[in-house]
Amino acid sequence: MSDVARREGPLSGTRIAVLMESDFYEPEIFYYRHRFAEEGARVDFLTRLWGQPELTFTGHEYRAPFTVDRGLERIAETGLREYAALIVPSGMVADRLRYTEDVERLAPATELLRRAFADPGVVKGIICHGMWLAAAIPEVVRGRKIVCHNNLLGDVRNMGAEYVDQDVVVDGDLVTGRTGAHHHLFARALIDLLSQRNTQRKDA
């Protein structure tokens, strides 16, 4: 469930990864699936598959099903570079994905996010409670300007980030959104940033 019909647009040839788990916010996830495709981008939904070929998750509001067949564990360093952006959505997705069996090791999704932050060529999009996924790697947002859900305000300040009271904040290669209800504004900021990057590459 990672691909829909795409038209030619400013994001043609661009791949965007969205992390997924249960208790996702349905209006946000289904919006991403179609909105980015409108700009020509391919959207891949990634999760921890736990050795299964696919997993079906249920949404938080309406218990809507969503099947994912792409495992984030299989993405090698070169695989991550295939993506122009990595999005950590709202809801309980980040909390579920930050689970690790070995407390001395990062959860696979957190490790993927850490690698994304190490590559300025990958735009990082984190909205609402998505910042939970960065809790174990606070250095990646230390000193960065961000917004998050009000419930995470203390968390992000303890992580050393600079909270900005706006619905969407863009700080270089990092785009953050206040709540899942702001997903349309968040997506617009991501589209604008990715389109700008595509234009710069073509003009170089």
N, C-alpha and C. Protein backbone atom coordinates (compact mmCIF):
# COMPACT_ATOMS: atom_id res chain seq x y z
N MET A 1 0.85 -1.20 0.00
CA MET A 1 0.00 0.00 0.00
C MET A 1 0.88 1.24 0.00
N SER A 2 1.89 1.21 -0.86
CA SER A 2 2.88 2.29 -0.82
C SER A 2 2.87 3.15 -2.07
N ASP A 3 2.03 2.79 -3.06
CA ASP A 3 2.12 3.51 -4.32
C ASP A 3 0.72 3.81 -4.84
N VAL A 4 0.54 5.02 -5.34
CA VAL A 4 -0.70 5.41 -6.00
C VAL A 4 -0.31 6.10 -7.31
N ALA A 5 -1.31 6.33 -8.14
CA ALA A 5 -1.04 7.00 -9.41
C ALA A 5 -0.44 8.37 -9.16
N ARG A 6 0.63 8.66 -9.90
CA ARG A 6 1.32 9.95 -9.72
C ARG A 6 1.29 10.71 -11.03
N ARG A 7 1.22 12.02 -10.94
CA ARG A 7 1.28 12.84 -12.13
C ARG A 7 2.66 13.48 -12.21
N GLU A 8 2.98 14.04 -13.37
CA GLU A 8 4.21 14.80 -13.50
C GLU A 8 4.08 16.08 -12.69
N GLY A 9 5.09 16.40 -11.94
CA GLY A 9 5.03 17.59 -11.11
C GLY A 9 6.41 17.96 -10.61
N PRO A 10 6.49 18.97 -9.75
CA PRO A 10 7.79 19.42 -9.25
C PRO A 10 8.55 18.38 -8.44
N LEU A 11 7.84 17.35 -7.98
CA LEU A 11 8.51 16.30 -7.20
C LEU A 11 8.64 15.00 -7.99
N SER A 12 8.48 15.06 -9.31
CA SER A 12 8.64 13.86 -10.13
C SER A 12 10.03 13.27 -9.93
N GLY A 13 10.09 11.96 -9.71
CA GLY A 13 11.36 11.29 -9.47
C GLY A 13 11.79 11.31 -8.02
N THR A 14 11.00 11.96 -7.16
CA THR A 14 11.32 12.06 -5.73
C THR A 14 10.64 10.93 -4.96
N ARG A 15 11.37 10.34 -4.02
CA ARG A 15 10.80 9.32 -3.15
C ARG A 15 10.76 9.84 -1.72
N ILE A 16 9.63 9.62 -1.08
CA ILE A 16 9.42 10.07 0.30
C ILE A 16 9.07 8.86 1.15
N ALA A 17 9.75 8.69 2.28
CA ALA A 17 9.48 7.59 3.21
C ALA A 17 8.66 8.10 4.39
N VAL A 18 7.62 7.36 4.74
CA VAL A 18 6.79 7.69 5.90
C VAL A 18 6.79 6.49 6.83
N LEU A 19 7.18 6.68 8.07
CA LEU A 19 7.18 5.58 9.04
C LEU A 19 5.74 5.28 9.48
N MET A 20 5.47 3.99 9.76
CA MET A 20 4.11 3.58 10.09
C MET A 20 4.08 2.56 11.22
N GLU A 21 2.99 2.63 11.98
CA GLU A 21 2.67 1.64 13.01
C GLU A 21 1.19 1.83 13.35
N SER A 22 0.69 1.04 14.29
CA SER A 22 -0.71 1.17 14.68
C SER A 22 -0.96 2.46 15.46
N ASP A 23 -2.23 2.80 15.56
CA ASP A 23 -2.68 4.04 16.20
C ASP A 23 -2.16 5.27 15.45
N PHE A 24 -2.11 5.14 14.12
CA PHE A 24 -1.77 6.30 13.30
C PHE A 24 -3.01 7.19 13.16
N TYR A 25 -2.78 8.44 12.78
CA TYR A 25 -3.88 9.39 12.60
C TYR A 25 -4.32 9.32 11.14
N GLU A 26 -5.47 8.72 10.89
CA GLU A 26 -5.91 8.42 9.53
C GLU A 26 -5.94 9.62 8.59
N PRO A 27 -6.54 10.76 8.99
CA PRO A 27 -6.57 11.89 8.05
C PRO A 27 -5.18 12.30 7.57
N GLU A 28 -4.19 12.21 8.46
CA GLU A 28 -2.82 12.59 8.09
C GLU A 28 -2.22 11.59 7.10
N ILE A 29 -2.26 10.32 7.44
CA ILE A 29 -1.60 9.30 6.62
C ILE A 29 -2.21 9.22 5.23
N PHE A 30 -3.53 9.22 5.12
CA PHE A 30 -4.15 9.13 3.80
C PHE A 30 -3.94 10.42 3.00
N TYR A 31 -3.81 11.53 3.68
CA TYR A 31 -3.50 12.78 3.00
C TYR A 31 -2.11 12.71 2.36
N TYR A 32 -1.13 12.24 3.12
CA TYR A 32 0.22 12.11 2.58
C TYR A 32 0.23 11.21 1.36
N ARG A 33 -0.48 10.12 1.44
CA ARG A 33 -0.47 9.12 0.37
C ARG A 33 -0.89 9.73 -0.97
N HIS A 34 -1.85 10.65 -0.91
CA HIS A 34 -2.35 11.25 -2.15
C HIS A 34 -1.74 12.62 -2.44
N ARG A 35 -1.48 13.40 -1.42
CA ARG A 35 -1.02 14.78 -1.66
C ARG A 35 0.37 14.80 -2.29
N PHE A 36 1.29 14.00 -1.81
CA PHE A 36 2.64 13.98 -2.39
C PHE A 36 2.60 13.42 -3.81
N ALA A 37 1.71 12.45 -4.05
CA ALA A 37 1.57 11.90 -5.40
C ALA A 37 1.08 12.96 -6.38
N GLU A 38 0.27 13.89 -5.90
CA GLU A 38 -0.19 14.99 -6.75
C GLU A 38 0.97 15.83 -7.28
N GLU A 39 2.05 15.86 -6.51
CA GLU A 39 3.23 16.63 -6.92
C GLU A 39 4.23 15.76 -7.69
N GLY A 40 3.87 14.49 -7.91
CA GLY A 40 4.73 13.61 -8.68
C GLY A 40 5.63 12.70 -7.87
N ALA A 41 5.56 12.78 -6.55
CA ALA A 41 6.44 11.99 -5.69
C ALA A 41 5.90 10.58 -5.47
N ARG A 42 6.81 9.66 -5.22
CA ARG A 42 6.44 8.31 -4.80
C ARG A 42 6.56 8.25 -3.29
N VAL A 43 5.55 7.72 -2.63
CA VAL A 43 5.53 7.63 -1.17
C VAL A 43 5.64 6.16 -0.76
N ASP A 44 6.65 5.83 0.04
CA ASP A 44 6.82 4.48 0.58
C ASP A 44 6.55 4.52 2.07
N PHE A 45 5.72 3.61 2.53
CA PHE A 45 5.45 3.49 3.97
C PHE A 45 6.32 2.37 4.53
N LEU A 46 7.07 2.69 5.57
CA LEU A 46 8.04 1.77 6.14
C LEU A 46 7.69 1.46 7.59
N THR A 47 7.96 0.22 8.00
CA THR A 47 7.73 -0.16 9.38
C THR A 47 8.68 -1.26 9.77
N ARG A 48 8.63 -1.66 11.01
CA ARG A 48 9.37 -2.83 11.46
C ARG A 48 8.48 -4.04 11.25
N LEU A 49 8.89 -4.92 10.36
CA LEU A 49 8.03 -6.04 9.96
C LEU A 49 8.17 -7.28 10.84
N TRP A 50 9.17 -7.31 11.71
CA TRP A 50 9.34 -8.44 12.63
C TRP A 50 9.37 -9.78 11.89
N GLY A 51 10.00 -9.81 10.72
CA GLY A 51 10.14 -11.05 9.97
C GLY A 51 8.93 -11.44 9.15
N GLN A 52 7.89 -10.61 9.14
CA GLN A 52 6.69 -10.90 8.37
C GLN A 52 6.77 -10.24 6.99
N PRO A 53 6.10 -10.78 5.98
CA PRO A 53 6.12 -10.14 4.66
C PRO A 53 5.35 -8.83 4.63
N GLU A 54 4.37 -8.70 5.50
CA GLU A 54 3.60 -7.47 5.61
C GLU A 54 2.86 -7.44 6.94
N LEU A 55 2.47 -6.26 7.35
CA LEU A 55 1.69 -6.10 8.57
C LEU A 55 0.56 -5.11 8.29
N THR A 56 -0.60 -5.36 8.88
CA THR A 56 -1.72 -4.44 8.74
C THR A 56 -1.95 -3.73 10.07
N PHE A 57 -1.91 -2.42 10.02
CA PHE A 57 -2.10 -1.60 11.22
C PHE A 57 -3.49 -0.98 11.22
N THR A 58 -3.93 -0.54 12.38
CA THR A 58 -5.23 0.13 12.49
C THR A 58 -5.05 1.54 12.99
N GLY A 59 -5.88 2.42 12.46
CA GLY A 59 -5.80 3.83 12.82
C GLY A 59 -6.35 4.12 14.20
N HIS A 60 -6.07 5.31 14.69
CA HIS A 60 -6.45 5.70 16.04
C HIS A 60 -7.90 6.19 16.12
N GLU A 61 -8.33 6.92 15.10
CA GLU A 61 -9.65 7.55 15.16
C GLU A 61 -10.77 6.59 14.73
N TYR A 62 -10.57 5.91 13.59
CA TYR A 62 -11.64 5.13 12.99
C TYR A 62 -11.31 3.65 12.85
N ARG A 63 -10.15 3.25 13.37
CA ARG A 63 -9.67 1.86 13.28
C ARG A 63 -9.54 1.43 11.82
N ALA A 64 -9.25 2.35 10.93
CA ALA A 64 -9.08 2.04 9.52
C ALA A 64 -7.82 1.19 9.34
N PRO A 65 -7.87 0.16 8.48
CA PRO A 65 -6.70 -0.69 8.26
C PRO A 65 -5.74 -0.06 7.25
N PHE A 66 -4.46 -0.36 7.42
CA PHE A 66 -3.44 0.11 6.48
C PHE A 66 -2.32 -0.92 6.46
N THR A 67 -2.09 -1.54 5.29
CA THR A 67 -1.10 -2.61 5.17
C THR A 67 0.22 -2.06 4.66
N VAL A 68 1.31 -2.47 5.32
CA VAL A 68 2.66 -2.04 4.96
C VAL A 68 3.50 -3.28 4.66
N ASP A 69 4.23 -3.25 3.53
CA ASP A 69 5.06 -4.40 3.17
C ASP A 69 6.52 -4.03 2.95
N ARG A 70 6.91 -2.86 3.41
CA ARG A 70 8.31 -2.44 3.28
C ARG A 70 8.92 -2.34 4.68
N GLY A 71 9.98 -3.12 4.90
CA GLY A 71 10.63 -3.14 6.20
C GLY A 71 11.74 -2.12 6.31
N LEU A 72 11.68 -1.32 7.36
CA LEU A 72 12.72 -0.30 7.56
C LEU A 72 14.06 -0.93 7.93
N GLU A 73 14.04 -2.17 8.46
CA GLU A 73 15.30 -2.83 8.84
C GLU A 73 16.18 -3.13 7.64
N ARG A 74 15.56 -3.27 6.47
CA ARG A 74 16.31 -3.69 5.29
C ARG A 74 16.97 -2.53 4.55
N ILE A 75 16.69 -1.32 4.97
CA ILE A 75 17.24 -0.18 4.25
C ILE A 75 18.70 0.02 4.64
N ALA A 76 19.57 -0.22 3.69
CA ALA A 76 21.00 -0.01 3.92
C ALA A 76 21.31 1.47 3.78
N GLU A 77 22.55 1.83 4.05
CA GLU A 77 22.97 3.23 3.94
C GLU A 77 22.64 3.79 2.56
N THR A 78 22.91 3.02 1.51
CA THR A 78 22.62 3.50 0.16
C THR A 78 21.12 3.59 -0.08
N GLY A 79 20.36 2.69 0.57
CA GLY A 79 18.91 2.73 0.42
C GLY A 79 18.31 4.00 0.97
N LEU A 80 18.83 4.48 2.09
CA LEU A 80 18.33 5.71 2.68
C LEU A 80 18.53 6.88 1.75
N ARG A 81 19.62 6.86 1.01
CA ARG A 81 19.90 7.97 0.10
C ARG A 81 18.94 8.02 -1.08
N GLU A 82 18.17 6.95 -1.28
CA GLU A 82 17.17 6.97 -2.34
C GLU A 82 15.99 7.86 -1.99
N TYR A 83 15.89 8.21 -0.72
CA TYR A 83 14.77 9.02 -0.27
C TYR A 83 15.18 10.48 -0.09
N ALA A 84 14.32 11.36 -0.59
CA ALA A 84 14.55 12.79 -0.43
C ALA A 84 14.07 13.26 0.94
N ALA A 85 13.14 12.51 1.54
CA ALA A 85 12.60 12.91 2.85
C ALA A 85 12.18 11.68 3.64
N LEU A 86 12.30 11.80 4.95
CA LEU A 86 11.84 10.79 5.90
C LEU A 86 10.88 11.48 6.86
N ILE A 87 9.64 10.98 6.93
CA ILE A 87 8.62 11.60 7.77
C ILE A 87 8.29 10.70 8.95
N VAL A 88 8.29 11.30 10.14
CA VAL A 88 7.81 10.62 11.35
C VAL A 88 6.45 11.24 11.67
N PRO A 89 5.36 10.50 11.48
CA PRO A 89 4.03 11.09 11.63
C PRO A 89 3.56 11.21 13.07
N SER A 90 2.33 11.65 13.22
CA SER A 90 1.76 11.87 14.55
C SER A 90 1.15 10.59 15.10
N GLY A 91 0.26 10.71 16.07
CA GLY A 91 -0.34 9.55 16.69
C GLY A 91 0.67 8.81 17.56
N MET A 92 0.47 7.50 17.69
CA MET A 92 1.34 6.67 18.53
C MET A 92 2.41 5.95 17.73
N VAL A 93 2.58 6.32 16.47
CA VAL A 93 3.53 5.65 15.60
C VAL A 93 4.94 5.67 16.19
N ALA A 94 5.41 6.86 16.57
CA ALA A 94 6.78 6.98 17.09
C ALA A 94 6.96 6.21 18.39
N ASP A 95 5.95 6.23 19.26
CA ASP A 95 6.07 5.53 20.54
C ASP A 95 6.19 4.03 20.31
N ARG A 96 5.45 3.50 19.37
CA ARG A 96 5.52 2.07 19.08
C ARG A 96 6.86 1.70 18.42
N LEU A 97 7.32 2.55 17.52
CA LEU A 97 8.55 2.25 16.79
C LEU A 97 9.82 2.46 17.62
N ARG A 98 9.74 3.16 18.73
CA ARG A 98 10.96 3.38 19.52
C ARG A 98 11.22 2.23 20.51
N TYR A 99 10.37 1.23 20.49
CA TYR A 99 10.60 0.06 21.34
C TYR A 99 11.85 -0.68 20.89
N THR A 100 12.67 -1.08 21.88
CA THR A 100 13.85 -1.90 21.59
C THR A 100 13.93 -3.03 22.60
N GLU A 101 14.20 -4.23 22.12
CA GLU A 101 14.33 -5.38 23.02
C GLU A 101 15.59 -5.27 23.87
N ASP A 102 16.65 -4.74 23.28
CA ASP A 102 17.93 -4.58 23.95
C ASP A 102 18.11 -3.11 24.30
N VAL A 103 18.03 -2.78 25.59
CA VAL A 103 18.07 -1.38 26.00
C VAL A 103 19.42 -0.73 25.73
N GLU A 104 20.43 -1.54 25.39
CA GLU A 104 21.75 -0.99 25.06
C GLU A 104 21.86 -0.65 23.58
N ARG A 105 20.81 -0.95 22.81
CA ARG A 105 20.84 -0.68 21.38
C ARG A 105 19.63 0.17 20.99
N LEU A 106 19.83 1.03 19.99
CA LEU A 106 18.73 1.84 19.50
C LEU A 106 17.72 0.96 18.76
N ALA A 107 16.46 1.35 18.86
CA ALA A 107 15.43 0.69 18.05
C ALA A 107 15.76 0.93 16.58
N PRO A 108 15.44 -0.01 15.69
CA PRO A 108 15.76 0.16 14.28
C PRO A 108 15.24 1.47 13.68
N ALA A 109 14.04 1.88 14.06
CA ALA A 109 13.49 3.13 13.52
C ALA A 109 14.27 4.34 14.03
N THR A 110 14.71 4.28 15.28
CA THR A 110 15.52 5.37 15.83
C THR A 110 16.87 5.42 15.15
N GLU A 111 17.45 4.26 14.88
CA GLU A 111 18.73 4.21 14.17
C GLU A 111 18.57 4.77 12.75
N LEU A 112 17.46 4.47 12.11
CA LEU A 112 17.20 5.01 10.78
C LEU A 112 17.10 6.54 10.83
N LEU A 113 16.41 7.05 11.85
CA LEU A 113 16.29 8.50 12.01
C LEU A 113 17.65 9.13 12.28
N ARG A 114 18.46 8.47 13.09
CA ARG A 114 19.80 8.99 13.37
C ARG A 114 20.62 9.11 12.09
N ARG A 115 20.54 8.09 11.24
CA ARG A 115 21.27 8.12 9.97
C ARG A 115 20.73 9.21 9.05
N ALA A 116 19.42 9.43 9.09
CA ALA A 116 18.83 10.48 8.27
C ALA A 116 19.33 11.86 8.71
N PHE A 117 19.45 12.06 10.01
CA PHE A 117 19.95 13.34 10.52
C PHE A 117 21.42 13.55 10.15
N ALA A 118 22.14 12.46 9.98
CA ALA A 118 23.56 12.57 9.61
C ALA A 118 23.74 12.94 8.15
N ASP A 119 22.66 12.89 7.37
CA ASP A 119 22.72 13.18 5.94
C ASP A 119 21.87 14.41 5.63
N PRO A 120 22.48 15.58 5.42
CA PRO A 120 21.70 16.78 5.13
C PRO A 120 20.96 16.71 3.80
N GLY A 121 21.29 15.71 2.98
CA GLY A 121 20.59 15.54 1.73
C GLY A 121 19.20 14.96 1.90
N VAL A 122 18.90 14.43 3.10
CA VAL A 122 17.59 13.87 3.41
C VAL A 122 16.83 14.86 4.28
N VAL A 123 15.67 15.30 3.82
CA VAL A 123 14.85 16.20 4.63
C VAL A 123 14.15 15.37 5.70
N LYS A 124 14.21 15.85 6.93
CA LYS A 124 13.55 15.18 8.04
C LYS A 124 12.25 15.92 8.37
N GLY A 125 11.13 15.19 8.38
CA GLY A 125 9.86 15.77 8.75
C GLY A 125 9.31 15.08 9.98
N ILE A 126 9.12 15.82 11.05
CA ILE A 126 8.63 15.24 12.31
C ILE A 126 7.47 16.09 12.81
N ILE A 127 6.33 15.45 13.04
CA ILE A 127 5.14 16.19 13.42
C ILE A 127 4.53 15.65 14.71
N CYS A 128 4.03 16.57 15.53
CA CYS A 128 3.27 16.21 16.74
C CYS A 128 4.09 15.33 17.69
N HIS A 129 3.58 14.15 18.03
CA HIS A 129 4.29 13.24 18.93
C HIS A 129 5.41 12.47 18.23
N GLY A 130 5.65 12.74 16.97
CA GLY A 130 6.73 12.06 16.26
C GLY A 130 8.09 12.29 16.89
N MET A 131 8.24 13.40 17.61
CA MET A 131 9.52 13.71 18.23
C MET A 131 9.92 12.67 19.27
N TRP A 132 8.98 11.85 19.73
CA TRP A 132 9.31 10.75 20.64
C TRP A 132 10.41 9.86 20.07
N LEU A 133 10.41 9.70 18.76
CA LEU A 133 11.38 8.79 18.15
C LEU A 133 12.80 9.30 18.31
N ALA A 134 12.97 10.59 18.50
CA ALA A 134 14.31 11.17 18.67
C ALA A 134 14.74 11.26 20.13
N ALA A 135 13.90 10.78 21.05
CA ALA A 135 14.20 10.91 22.48
C ALA A 135 15.52 10.25 22.86
N ALA A 136 15.85 9.13 22.20
CA ALA A 136 17.07 8.40 22.53
C ALA A 136 18.30 8.97 21.83
N ILE A 137 18.08 9.92 20.93
CA ILE A 137 19.20 10.55 20.20
C ILE A 137 19.04 12.07 20.25
N PRO A 138 19.00 12.64 21.47
CA PRO A 138 18.71 14.08 21.61
C PRO A 138 19.70 14.98 20.90
N GLU A 139 20.91 14.48 20.66
CA GLU A 139 21.93 15.31 20.02
C GLU A 139 21.52 15.75 18.61
N VAL A 140 20.63 15.00 17.98
CA VAL A 140 20.29 15.35 16.59
C VAL A 140 19.40 16.60 16.51
N VAL A 141 18.72 16.94 17.60
CA VAL A 141 17.87 18.13 17.59
C VAL A 141 18.38 19.21 18.54
N ARG A 142 19.49 18.94 19.21
CA ARG A 142 20.03 19.94 20.14
C ARG A 142 20.38 21.21 19.38
N GLY A 143 19.82 22.34 19.86
CA GLY A 143 20.08 23.62 19.23
C GLY A 143 19.24 23.90 18.00
N ARG A 144 18.42 22.92 17.57
CA ARG A 144 17.57 23.12 16.39
C ARG A 144 16.26 23.79 16.78
N LYS A 145 15.71 24.58 15.88
CA LYS A 145 14.41 25.22 16.08
C LYS A 145 13.33 24.23 15.68
N ILE A 146 12.41 23.94 16.59
CA ILE A 146 11.35 22.97 16.31
C ILE A 146 10.05 23.37 16.99
N VAL A 147 8.96 22.76 16.52
CA VAL A 147 7.68 22.83 17.20
C VAL A 147 7.21 21.39 17.38
N CYS A 148 6.39 21.16 18.37
CA CYS A 148 5.87 19.82 18.65
C CYS A 148 4.52 19.98 19.35
N HIS A 149 3.89 18.86 19.64
CA HIS A 149 2.66 18.88 20.44
C HIS A 149 2.97 19.48 21.81
N ASN A 150 2.01 20.21 22.37
CA ASN A 150 2.24 20.83 23.68
C ASN A 150 2.64 19.83 24.75
N ASN A 151 2.17 18.58 24.62
CA ASN A 151 2.51 17.56 25.61
C ASN A 151 3.99 17.19 25.61
N LEU A 152 4.69 17.51 24.52
CA LEU A 152 6.11 17.17 24.41
C LEU A 152 7.02 18.36 24.65
N LEU A 153 6.46 19.48 25.06
CA LEU A 153 7.25 20.69 25.24
C LEU A 153 8.43 20.47 26.19
N GLY A 154 8.16 19.86 27.36
CA GLY A 154 9.22 19.59 28.31
C GLY A 154 10.26 18.64 27.75
N ASP A 155 9.80 17.66 26.99
CA ASP A 155 10.71 16.69 26.39
C ASP A 155 11.71 17.36 25.45
N VAL A 156 11.18 18.19 24.54
CA VAL A 156 12.08 18.77 23.54
C VAL A 156 13.03 19.79 24.17
N ARG A 157 12.59 20.46 25.20
CA ARG A 157 13.50 21.38 25.89
C ARG A 157 14.59 20.60 26.63
N ASN A 158 14.22 19.48 27.22
CA ASN A 158 15.22 18.63 27.86
C ASN A 158 16.19 18.04 26.84
N MET A 159 15.74 17.90 25.60
CA MET A 159 16.61 17.40 24.53
C MET A 159 17.53 18.49 24.00
N GLY A 160 17.32 19.72 24.47
CA GLY A 160 18.20 20.81 24.05
C GLY A 160 17.74 21.54 22.82
N ALA A 161 16.52 21.25 22.35
CA ALA A 161 15.99 21.93 21.17
C ALA A 161 15.41 23.29 21.57
N GLU A 162 15.29 24.16 20.58
CA GLU A 162 14.71 25.49 20.80
C GLU A 162 13.26 25.47 20.30
N TYR A 163 12.32 25.51 21.24
CA TYR A 163 10.90 25.46 20.87
C TYR A 163 10.46 26.78 20.25
N VAL A 164 9.75 26.68 19.12
CA VAL A 164 9.20 27.85 18.43
C VAL A 164 7.69 27.69 18.37
N ASP A 165 6.97 28.70 18.84
CA ASP A 165 5.51 28.62 18.93
C ASP A 165 4.86 28.97 17.58
N GLN A 166 5.00 28.04 16.62
CA GLN A 166 4.38 28.18 15.31
C GLN A 166 3.80 26.83 14.92
N ASP A 167 2.87 26.83 13.98
CA ASP A 167 2.26 25.57 13.56
C ASP A 167 3.23 24.69 12.80
N VAL A 168 4.10 25.30 12.00
CA VAL A 168 5.12 24.59 11.25
C VAL A 168 6.42 25.38 11.33
N VAL A 169 7.53 24.68 11.55
CA VAL A 169 8.84 25.33 11.65
C VAL A 169 9.80 24.63 10.70
N VAL A 170 10.50 25.41 9.90
CA VAL A 170 11.52 24.88 8.99
C VAL A 170 12.87 25.38 9.47
N ASP A 171 13.76 24.44 9.79
CA ASP A 171 15.12 24.76 10.22
C ASP A 171 16.08 23.96 9.35
N GLY A 172 16.46 24.53 8.22
CA GLY A 172 17.35 23.82 7.30
C GLY A 172 16.71 22.59 6.72
N ASP A 173 17.29 21.42 7.03
CA ASP A 173 16.77 20.16 6.50
C ASP A 173 15.77 19.49 7.45
N LEU A 174 15.28 20.25 8.42
CA LEU A 174 14.32 19.72 9.41
C LEU A 174 13.03 20.53 9.36
N VAL A 175 11.91 19.82 9.15
CA VAL A 175 10.59 20.44 9.15
C VAL A 175 9.78 19.80 10.28
N THR A 176 9.22 20.61 11.17
CA THR A 176 8.43 20.08 12.26
C THR A 176 7.04 20.71 12.26
N GLY A 177 6.06 19.95 12.75
CA GLY A 177 4.68 20.42 12.80
C GLY A 177 4.11 20.26 14.20
N ARG A 178 3.15 21.11 14.54
CA ARG A 178 2.62 21.14 15.91
C ARG A 178 1.78 19.91 16.25
N THR A 179 0.75 19.63 15.47
CA THR A 179 -0.13 18.48 15.75
C THR A 179 -0.51 17.79 14.45
N GLY A 180 -1.10 16.61 14.57
CA GLY A 180 -1.55 15.90 13.39
C GLY A 180 -2.57 16.69 12.59
N ALA A 181 -3.34 17.54 13.26
CA ALA A 181 -4.33 18.36 12.56
C ALA A 181 -3.69 19.40 11.65
N HIS A 182 -2.39 19.64 11.82
CA HIS A 182 -1.66 20.58 10.97
C HIS A 182 -0.94 19.87 9.83
N HIS A 183 -1.33 18.62 9.53
CA HIS A 183 -0.60 17.85 8.52
C HIS A 183 -0.61 18.50 7.15
N HIS A 184 -1.68 19.23 6.82
CA HIS A 184 -1.73 19.87 5.50
C HIS A 184 -0.70 21.00 5.38
N LEU A 185 -0.51 21.75 6.46
CA LEU A 185 0.49 22.82 6.46
C LEU A 185 1.90 22.23 6.48
N PHE A 186 2.06 21.17 7.22
CA PHE A 186 3.33 20.45 7.32
C PHE A 186 3.72 19.89 5.95
N ALA A 187 2.77 19.26 5.27
CA ALA A 187 3.03 18.71 3.94
C ALA A 187 3.37 19.81 2.95
N ARG A 188 2.68 20.95 3.06
CA ARG A 188 2.97 22.06 2.17
C ARG A 188 4.40 22.54 2.33
N ALA A 189 4.86 22.63 3.58
CA ALA A 189 6.24 23.07 3.84
C ALA A 189 7.24 22.07 3.27
N LEU A 190 6.95 20.78 3.40
CA LEU A 190 7.83 19.75 2.85
C LEU A 190 7.87 19.82 1.33
N ILE A 191 6.71 19.99 0.72
CA ILE A 191 6.65 20.09 -0.75
C ILE A 191 7.45 21.29 -1.23
N ASP A 192 7.29 22.42 -0.56
CA ASP A 192 8.01 23.63 -0.97
C ASP A 192 9.52 23.43 -0.85
N LEU A 193 9.96 22.82 0.26
CA LEU A 193 11.38 22.62 0.48
C LEU A 193 11.96 21.63 -0.53
N LEU A 194 11.26 20.53 -0.77
CA LEU A 194 11.74 19.54 -1.72
C LEU A 194 11.74 20.08 -3.15
N SER A 195 10.72 20.86 -3.48
CA SER A 195 10.67 21.47 -4.81
C SER A 195 11.83 22.43 -5.01
N GLN A 196 12.14 23.21 -3.98
CA GLN A 196 13.26 24.14 -4.04
C GLN A 196 14.57 23.39 -4.24
N ARG A 197 14.73 22.29 -3.54
CA ARG A 197 15.95 21.48 -3.69
C ARG A 197 16.05 20.89 -5.09
N ASN A 198 14.93 20.43 -5.62
CA ASN A 198 14.95 19.87 -6.98
C ASN A 198 15.33 20.93 -8.00
N THR A 199 14.82 22.13 -7.83
CA THR A 199 15.14 23.23 -8.74
C THR A 199 16.61 23.58 -8.67
N GLN A 200 17.15 23.62 -7.45
CA GLN A 200 18.57 23.94 -7.27
C GLN A 200 19.47 22.90 -7.93
N ARG A 201 19.06 21.62 -7.83
CA ARG A 201 19.85 20.56 -8.46
C ARG A 201 19.83 20.68 -9.98
N LYS A 202 18.68 21.02 -10.52
CA LYS A 202 18.56 21.15 -11.98
C LYS A 202 19.36 22.35 -12.49
N ASP A 203 19.43 23.41 -11.68
CA ASP A 203 20.14 24.62 -12.09
C ASP A 203 21.65 24.53 -11.88
N ALA A 204 22.06 23.55 -11.06
CA ALA A 204 23.51 23.44 -10.73
C ALA A 204 24.32 22.98 -11.95
